Amino acid sequence: MIKDQMIGVIILVASVAGIIVSAWLAVAWAMVVLQITAFIAVAAVLGILAWIEWTMATTPPRAPLEPGVPPTR
């Protein structure tokens, strides 16, 4: 459990540092940071959609259910 807590603390510190760096960059180079952020957001959404569609396209169909005796309780 201690290892999980350390990973959580590391992720928390990295997230806060990322927020601070992002805020500083937004003040220093506002337009470039906004363009890069928008590109990453759109690319991430489209990448996830492409992955889902690839999975749907390459997954074989399920075997049909055979009629049989209904299960009893």
Protein backbone atom coordinates (compact mmCIF):
# COMPACT_ATOMS: atom_id res chain seq x y z
CA MET A 1 0.00 0.00 0.00
CA ILE A 2 2.91 2.36 0.70
CA LYS A 3 4.12 1.98 -2.91
CA ASP A 4 0.68 2.96 -4.21
CA GLN A 5 0.64 6.00 -1.96
CA MET A 6 4.08 7.08 -3.19
CA ILE A 7 2.93 6.77 -6.80
CA GLY A 8 -0.11 8.89 -5.91
CA VAL A 9 2.08 11.58 -4.32
CA ILE A 10 4.38 11.61 -7.37
CA ILE A 11 1.42 11.99 -9.72
CA LEU A 12 -0.02 14.77 -7.52
CA VAL A 13 3.27 16.71 -7.48
CA ALA A 14 3.74 16.25 -11.24
CA SER A 15 0.19 17.47 -11.88
CA VAL A 16 0.63 20.60 -9.79
CA ALA A 17 3.99 21.29 -11.45
CA GLY A 18 2.34 20.82 -14.86
CA ILE A 19 -0.36 23.34 -13.95
CA ILE A 20 2.25 25.88 -12.85
CA VAL A 21 4.38 25.40 -15.98
CA SER A 22 1.31 25.57 -18.20
CA ALA A 23 0.18 28.81 -16.56
CA TRP A 24 3.63 30.34 -16.97
CA LEU A 25 3.80 29.31 -20.62
CA ALA A 26 0.29 30.66 -21.23
CA VAL A 27 1.44 34.07 -19.99
CA ALA A 28 4.77 34.01 -21.84
CA TRP A 29 3.64 32.58 -25.20
CA ALA A 30 -0.15 32.68 -25.13
CA MET A 31 -1.02 32.02 -28.78
CA VAL A 32 1.54 29.24 -29.31
CA VAL A 33 0.51 27.45 -26.11
CA LEU A 34 -3.18 27.67 -27.03
CA GLN A 35 -2.50 26.33 -30.52
CA ILE A 36 -0.42 23.44 -29.23
CA THR A 37 -2.97 22.62 -26.52
CA ALA A 38 -5.85 22.64 -29.00
CA PHE A 39 -3.90 20.43 -31.41
CA ILE A 40 -3.06 17.91 -28.68
CA ALA A 41 -6.68 17.80 -27.49
CA VAL A 42 -8.07 17.23 -30.99
CA ALA A 43 -5.37 14.67 -31.82
CA ALA A 44 -6.06 12.77 -28.58
CA VAL A 45 -9.82 12.58 -29.22
CA LEU A 46 -9.37 11.52 -32.84
CA GLY A 47 -6.67 9.02 -31.86
CA ILE A 48 -8.99 7.39 -29.31
CA LEU A 49 -11.79 7.25 -31.89
CA ALA A 50 -9.44 5.66 -34.44
CA TRP A 51 -8.33 3.07 -31.88
CA ILE A 52 -11.95 2.19 -31.04
CA GLU A 53 -12.86 1.86 -34.71
CA TRP A 54 -9.76 -0.24 -35.44
CA THR A 55 -10.72 -2.55 -32.58
CA MET A 56 -14.28 -2.82 -33.88
CA ALA A 57 -13.08 -3.48 -37.44
CA THR A 58 -10.57 -6.19 -36.51
CA THR A 59 -12.54 -8.05 -33.82
CA PRO A 60 -14.16 -11.19 -35.18
CA PRO A 61 -17.93 -11.50 -34.75
CA ARG A 62 -19.34 -13.51 -31.89
CA ALA A 63 -20.41 -17.07 -32.46
CA PRO A 64 -24.18 -17.32 -32.82
CA LEU A 65 -26.10 -18.64 -29.85
CA GLU A 66 -27.45 -22.10 -30.43
CA PRO A 67 -31.03 -22.79 -29.49
CA GLY A 68 -31.26 -25.12 -26.57
CA VAL A 69 -32.97 -25.76 -23.32
CA PRO A 70 -33.50 -22.56 -21.36
CA PRO A 71 -31.55 -22.47 -18.11
CA THR A 72 -33.45 -23.50 -15.01
CA ARG A 73 -33.43 -21.65 -11.74
